[in-house]
Amino acid sequence: MNVIAFPVRRLPACPAEIPAHIARMDGEPLPCTLLELTWRGARVSTAKIVLPNAFILLLSGHGLIERKCRVIWREWDVVGVEFEA
């Protein structure tokens, strides 16, 4: 069995189950769920879809609130991301 070392959390996270979307180049957003959220990043469930190392997370249904994300860890269908400036 492989053990994955996760980075030590520097900030407390707010547990959540917030629907969100990931922007795709073809224009069709990919649904996802925010499982935890901090002002610096999030834990995102992607329903078994492999994400690239960087993507844009759409936090509102209209896509007006978005964050550039960088994947910092992966486990199955969940990724930990850090928001970029």
N, C-alpha and C. Protein backbone atom coordinates (compact mmCIF):
# COMPACT_ATOMS: atom_id res chain seq x y z
N MET A 1 0.85 -1.18 0.00
CA MET A 1 0.00 0.00 0.00
C MET A 1 0.89 1.24 0.00
N ASN A 2 0.57 2.22 -0.85
CA ASN A 2 1.33 3.46 -0.92
C ASN A 2 0.75 4.48 0.04
N VAL A 3 1.62 5.18 0.71
CA VAL A 3 1.20 6.24 1.62
C VAL A 3 1.56 7.57 0.98
N ILE A 4 0.59 8.47 0.91
CA ILE A 4 0.81 9.79 0.32
C ILE A 4 0.94 10.80 1.44
N ALA A 5 2.05 11.53 1.45
CA ALA A 5 2.25 12.57 2.46
C ALA A 5 1.61 13.86 1.98
N PHE A 6 0.66 14.37 2.74
CA PHE A 6 0.01 15.62 2.39
C PHE A 6 0.75 16.78 3.04
N PRO A 7 0.75 17.94 2.39
CA PRO A 7 1.38 19.10 3.00
C PRO A 7 0.68 19.47 4.31
N VAL A 8 1.42 20.00 5.23
CA VAL A 8 0.84 20.44 6.49
C VAL A 8 -0.03 21.66 6.23
N ARG A 9 -1.26 21.61 6.73
CA ARG A 9 -2.18 22.73 6.52
C ARG A 9 -1.75 23.92 7.36
N ARG A 10 -1.61 25.06 6.71
CA ARG A 10 -1.21 26.28 7.42
C ARG A 10 -2.41 27.10 7.88
N LEU A 11 -3.55 26.87 7.24
CA LEU A 11 -4.75 27.63 7.56
C LEU A 11 -5.90 26.69 7.87
N PRO A 12 -6.78 27.07 8.79
CA PRO A 12 -7.96 26.23 9.02
C PRO A 12 -8.86 26.25 7.80
N ALA A 13 -9.42 25.11 7.46
CA ALA A 13 -10.30 25.03 6.29
C ALA A 13 -11.75 24.95 6.74
N CYS A 14 -12.62 25.51 5.94
CA CYS A 14 -14.05 25.43 6.20
C CYS A 14 -14.61 24.26 5.41
N PRO A 15 -15.15 23.24 6.10
CA PRO A 15 -15.76 22.13 5.37
C PRO A 15 -16.93 22.67 4.54
N ALA A 16 -17.11 22.11 3.37
CA ALA A 16 -18.16 22.60 2.48
C ALA A 16 -18.58 21.50 1.52
N GLU A 17 -19.67 21.69 0.87
CA GLU A 17 -20.10 20.89 -0.27
C GLU A 17 -20.72 21.88 -1.24
N ILE A 18 -19.86 22.65 -1.88
CA ILE A 18 -20.30 23.74 -2.74
C ILE A 18 -20.13 23.33 -4.20
N PRO A 19 -21.20 23.35 -4.99
CA PRO A 19 -21.05 23.05 -6.42
C PRO A 19 -20.25 24.16 -7.09
N ALA A 20 -19.36 23.77 -7.98
CA ALA A 20 -18.55 24.72 -8.74
C ALA A 20 -18.28 24.11 -10.11
N HIS A 21 -17.50 24.80 -10.92
CA HIS A 21 -17.15 24.31 -12.25
C HIS A 21 -15.69 24.61 -12.55
N ILE A 22 -15.14 23.83 -13.46
CA ILE A 22 -13.79 24.05 -13.93
C ILE A 22 -13.88 24.45 -15.39
N ALA A 23 -13.26 25.58 -15.73
CA ALA A 23 -13.29 26.07 -17.11
C ALA A 23 -12.50 25.12 -18.01
N ARG A 24 -13.03 24.87 -19.20
CA ARG A 24 -12.35 24.03 -20.18
C ARG A 24 -12.16 24.81 -21.45
N MET A 25 -11.17 24.41 -22.22
CA MET A 25 -10.84 25.11 -23.46
C MET A 25 -11.99 25.06 -24.48
N ASP A 26 -12.78 23.98 -24.46
CA ASP A 26 -13.87 23.85 -25.44
C ASP A 26 -15.11 24.64 -25.04
N GLY A 27 -15.04 25.33 -23.91
CA GLY A 27 -16.15 26.17 -23.47
C GLY A 27 -17.17 25.49 -22.57
N GLU A 28 -17.20 24.17 -22.54
CA GLU A 28 -18.14 23.44 -21.71
C GLU A 28 -17.54 23.25 -20.32
N PRO A 29 -18.08 23.92 -19.28
CA PRO A 29 -17.50 23.78 -17.94
C PRO A 29 -17.70 22.39 -17.37
N LEU A 30 -16.73 21.94 -16.61
CA LEU A 30 -16.75 20.64 -15.98
C LEU A 30 -17.24 20.79 -14.54
N PRO A 31 -18.32 20.10 -14.15
CA PRO A 31 -18.82 20.23 -12.78
C PRO A 31 -17.85 19.60 -11.78
N CYS A 32 -17.78 20.22 -10.61
CA CYS A 32 -16.98 19.70 -9.51
C CYS A 32 -17.61 20.15 -8.20
N THR A 33 -17.05 19.69 -7.08
CA THR A 33 -17.56 20.06 -5.77
C THR A 33 -16.41 20.51 -4.90
N LEU A 34 -16.57 21.66 -4.24
CA LEU A 34 -15.58 22.12 -3.27
C LEU A 34 -15.88 21.43 -1.95
N LEU A 35 -14.91 20.68 -1.45
CA LEU A 35 -15.09 19.95 -0.19
C LEU A 35 -14.58 20.73 1.01
N GLU A 36 -13.56 21.54 0.80
CA GLU A 36 -13.01 22.44 1.83
C GLU A 36 -12.54 23.70 1.12
N LEU A 37 -12.54 24.80 1.86
CA LEU A 37 -12.19 26.07 1.25
C LEU A 37 -11.46 26.95 2.25
N THR A 38 -10.36 27.56 1.80
CA THR A 38 -9.67 28.59 2.57
C THR A 38 -9.48 29.78 1.63
N TRP A 39 -8.95 30.86 2.11
CA TRP A 39 -8.72 32.01 1.24
C TRP A 39 -7.53 31.76 0.31
N ARG A 40 -6.72 30.72 0.58
CA ARG A 40 -5.55 30.42 -0.27
C ARG A 40 -5.71 29.20 -1.15
N GLY A 41 -6.77 28.40 -0.94
CA GLY A 41 -6.92 27.20 -1.74
C GLY A 41 -8.17 26.42 -1.40
N ALA A 42 -8.24 25.19 -1.94
CA ALA A 42 -9.44 24.38 -1.75
C ALA A 42 -9.11 22.90 -1.96
N ARG A 43 -10.03 22.07 -1.51
CA ARG A 43 -10.00 20.64 -1.82
C ARG A 43 -11.19 20.41 -2.74
N VAL A 44 -10.93 19.86 -3.92
CA VAL A 44 -11.93 19.78 -4.98
C VAL A 44 -12.14 18.32 -5.39
N SER A 45 -13.41 17.90 -5.45
CA SER A 45 -13.76 16.58 -5.95
C SER A 45 -14.15 16.71 -7.42
N THR A 46 -13.57 15.86 -8.26
CA THR A 46 -13.77 15.99 -9.70
C THR A 46 -14.49 14.82 -10.36
N ALA A 47 -15.11 13.95 -9.58
CA ALA A 47 -15.87 12.82 -10.12
C ALA A 47 -15.04 11.96 -11.06
N LYS A 48 -13.86 11.58 -10.60
CA LYS A 48 -12.99 10.65 -11.32
C LYS A 48 -12.47 11.17 -12.66
N ILE A 49 -12.36 12.47 -12.82
CA ILE A 49 -11.79 13.05 -14.03
C ILE A 49 -10.43 13.62 -13.68
N VAL A 50 -9.42 13.27 -14.44
CA VAL A 50 -8.07 13.76 -14.19
C VAL A 50 -7.97 15.20 -14.66
N LEU A 51 -7.49 16.06 -13.77
CA LEU A 51 -7.34 17.48 -14.08
C LEU A 51 -5.90 17.81 -14.44
N PRO A 52 -5.70 18.85 -15.24
CA PRO A 52 -4.33 19.30 -15.50
C PRO A 52 -3.73 19.91 -14.24
N ASN A 53 -2.44 20.20 -14.25
CA ASN A 53 -1.76 20.76 -13.07
C ASN A 53 -2.17 22.20 -12.78
N ALA A 54 -2.76 22.87 -13.75
CA ALA A 54 -3.25 24.25 -13.54
C ALA A 54 -4.57 24.40 -14.30
N PHE A 55 -5.52 25.10 -13.69
CA PHE A 55 -6.82 25.31 -14.33
C PHE A 55 -7.51 26.50 -13.67
N ILE A 56 -8.64 26.88 -14.24
CA ILE A 56 -9.44 27.99 -13.68
C ILE A 56 -10.70 27.40 -13.05
N LEU A 57 -10.90 27.71 -11.78
CA LEU A 57 -12.05 27.25 -11.02
C LEU A 57 -13.11 28.35 -11.04
N LEU A 58 -14.31 28.01 -11.49
CA LEU A 58 -15.42 28.95 -11.53
C LEU A 58 -16.25 28.75 -10.28
N LEU A 59 -16.30 29.77 -9.43
CA LEU A 59 -16.94 29.64 -8.13
C LEU A 59 -18.40 30.09 -8.11
N SER A 60 -18.89 30.65 -9.19
CA SER A 60 -20.29 31.05 -9.24
C SER A 60 -20.95 30.39 -10.44
N GLY A 61 -22.26 30.28 -10.39
CA GLY A 61 -22.99 29.65 -11.49
C GLY A 61 -22.86 30.39 -12.81
N HIS A 62 -22.58 31.69 -12.74
CA HIS A 62 -22.45 32.50 -13.95
C HIS A 62 -21.00 32.64 -14.39
N GLY A 63 -20.06 32.09 -13.62
CA GLY A 63 -18.65 32.19 -13.98
C GLY A 63 -18.03 33.55 -13.71
N LEU A 64 -18.73 34.39 -12.92
CA LEU A 64 -18.22 35.73 -12.66
C LEU A 64 -17.11 35.73 -11.60
N ILE A 65 -17.11 34.73 -10.74
CA ILE A 65 -16.06 34.62 -9.72
C ILE A 65 -15.19 33.43 -10.11
N GLU A 66 -13.93 33.71 -10.43
CA GLU A 66 -13.04 32.64 -10.84
C GLU A 66 -11.69 32.78 -10.15
N ARG A 67 -11.02 31.65 -10.00
CA ARG A 67 -9.69 31.62 -9.39
C ARG A 67 -8.78 30.73 -10.22
N LYS A 68 -7.59 31.21 -10.51
CA LYS A 68 -6.57 30.38 -11.13
C LYS A 68 -6.05 29.44 -10.07
N CYS A 69 -5.94 28.15 -10.39
CA CYS A 69 -5.55 27.14 -9.42
C CYS A 69 -4.33 26.36 -9.90
N ARG A 70 -3.55 25.92 -8.92
CA ARG A 70 -2.41 25.04 -9.17
C ARG A 70 -2.59 23.84 -8.26
N VAL A 71 -2.55 22.64 -8.83
CA VAL A 71 -2.71 21.41 -8.04
C VAL A 71 -1.46 21.20 -7.19
N ILE A 72 -1.67 20.98 -5.88
CA ILE A 72 -0.53 20.73 -4.99
C ILE A 72 -0.50 19.29 -4.48
N TRP A 73 -1.63 18.57 -4.58
CA TRP A 73 -1.65 17.14 -4.28
C TRP A 73 -2.87 16.51 -4.95
N ARG A 74 -2.79 15.21 -5.15
CA ARG A 74 -3.87 14.44 -5.79
C ARG A 74 -4.09 13.15 -5.02
N GLU A 75 -5.35 12.73 -4.91
CA GLU A 75 -5.69 11.42 -4.37
C GLU A 75 -7.00 10.99 -5.00
N TRP A 76 -6.94 9.97 -5.82
CA TRP A 76 -8.10 9.46 -6.55
C TRP A 76 -8.81 10.58 -7.30
N ASP A 77 -10.05 10.88 -6.93
CA ASP A 77 -10.81 11.91 -7.64
C ASP A 77 -10.87 13.23 -6.87
N VAL A 78 -9.96 13.42 -5.94
CA VAL A 78 -9.89 14.65 -5.14
C VAL A 78 -8.52 15.28 -5.33
N VAL A 79 -8.52 16.62 -5.51
CA VAL A 79 -7.26 17.34 -5.62
C VAL A 79 -7.23 18.48 -4.61
N GLY A 80 -6.05 18.80 -4.15
CA GLY A 80 -5.85 19.98 -3.33
C GLY A 80 -5.25 21.05 -4.22
N VAL A 81 -5.82 22.23 -4.21
CA VAL A 81 -5.32 23.31 -5.08
C VAL A 81 -4.96 24.53 -4.26
N GLU A 82 -4.03 25.28 -4.80
CA GLU A 82 -3.64 26.56 -4.23
C GLU A 82 -4.07 27.63 -5.23
N PHE A 83 -4.72 28.69 -4.74
CA PHE A 83 -5.12 29.78 -5.62
C PHE A 83 -3.90 30.62 -5.96
N GLU A 84 -3.77 30.97 -7.25
CA GLU A 84 -2.68 31.81 -7.71
C GLU A 84 -3.15 33.24 -7.85
N ALA A 85 -2.22 34.16 -7.79
CA ALA A 85 -2.57 35.58 -7.90
C ALA A 85 -2.94 35.97 -9.31
